[in-house]
Amino acid sequence: MPYLKVKIFDRAKFPNGLLFFDEEIIGKQNDFLKSEKDKYEAIPHKSPAFVHANFMVGNEKKINAFKKYGLWFI
């Protein structure tokens, strides 16, 4: 019988864009998101393996955010 194995992505390697990008890109954050971003920034890490920007509206905005951080490779 097949089973489902679920794991949570490591935040340091796979951050949500709300954690990764600065306020210039994501705008002002509420207290909860600011707290989560502070926790993310306290994690010792190098470069992420993947950052997603599903919360952003518009392809150009997403592309510009990735380019600013050197994450656009096309």
Protein backbone atom coordinates (compact mmCIF):
# COMPACT_ATOMS: atom_id res chain seq x y z
CA MET A 1 0.00 0.00 0.00
CA PRO A 2 1.52 3.39 -0.99
CA TYR A 3 1.96 6.05 1.64
CA LEU A 4 2.62 9.76 1.62
CA LYS A 5 5.81 11.05 3.18
CA VAL A 6 5.65 14.76 4.02
CA LYS A 7 8.52 17.02 5.06
CA ILE A 8 8.79 20.75 5.56
CA PHE A 9 11.29 22.60 3.38
CA ASP A 10 14.31 24.05 5.16
CA ARG A 11 13.66 27.81 5.43
CA ALA A 12 17.30 28.67 4.83
CA LYS A 13 17.34 26.81 1.50
CA PHE A 14 13.77 27.47 0.33
CA PRO A 15 12.60 30.82 1.74
CA ASN A 16 9.28 32.37 0.89
CA GLY A 17 9.81 35.65 -0.95
CA LEU A 18 8.17 37.51 1.93
CA LEU A 19 11.09 36.37 4.09
CA PHE A 20 13.79 36.84 1.48
CA PHE A 21 13.08 40.15 -0.28
CA ASP A 22 13.42 43.61 1.28
CA GLU A 23 10.64 46.13 1.99
CA GLU A 24 11.33 47.97 -1.28
CA ILE A 25 10.01 44.90 -3.08
CA ILE A 26 7.46 43.45 -0.65
CA GLY A 27 6.26 46.64 1.02
CA LYS A 28 5.65 47.28 4.69
CA GLN A 29 5.08 44.12 6.72
CA ASN A 30 2.74 43.50 9.61
CA ASP A 31 4.18 42.53 12.99
CA PHE A 32 3.84 38.78 12.39
CA LEU A 33 5.66 38.86 9.03
CA LYS A 34 8.34 41.18 10.43
CA SER A 35 8.89 38.71 13.28
CA GLU A 36 9.15 35.79 10.82
CA LYS A 37 11.58 37.76 8.61
CA ASP A 38 13.73 38.55 11.66
CA LYS A 39 13.85 34.83 12.51
CA TYR A 40 14.79 33.97 8.92
CA GLU A 41 17.57 36.57 8.85
CA ALA A 42 18.99 35.15 12.10
CA ILE A 43 19.47 31.71 10.46
CA PRO A 44 23.08 31.21 9.40
CA HIS A 45 22.90 30.34 5.71
CA LYS A 46 24.50 30.95 2.35
CA SER A 47 22.48 31.27 -0.84
CA PRO A 48 19.00 29.83 -1.11
CA ALA A 49 18.30 26.94 -3.48
CA PHE A 50 14.95 28.44 -4.46
CA VAL A 51 12.93 31.56 -3.67
CA HIS A 52 9.32 31.88 -4.77
CA ALA A 53 7.34 35.03 -5.39
CA ASN A 54 3.79 33.72 -5.57
CA PHE A 55 2.59 36.62 -3.43
CA MET A 56 3.66 39.19 -6.06
CA VAL A 57 1.25 40.31 -8.74
CA GLY A 58 2.66 40.82 -12.22
CA ASN A 59 5.48 39.08 -14.03
CA GLU A 60 7.57 42.23 -14.46
CA LYS A 61 7.56 42.87 -10.70
CA LYS A 62 8.68 39.28 -10.04
CA ILE A 63 11.41 39.42 -12.69
CA ASN A 64 12.75 42.73 -11.35
CA ALA A 65 12.84 41.35 -7.79
CA PHE A 66 14.77 38.27 -8.90
CA LYS A 67 17.16 40.37 -11.00
CA LYS A 68 17.87 42.71 -8.06
CA TYR A 69 19.01 39.75 -5.99
CA GLY A 70 20.89 37.96 -8.78
CA LEU A 71 18.32 35.17 -8.95
CA TRP A 72 17.17 35.67 -12.56
CA PHE A 73 18.99 33.26 -14.87
CA ILE A 74 17.08 33.51 -18.17
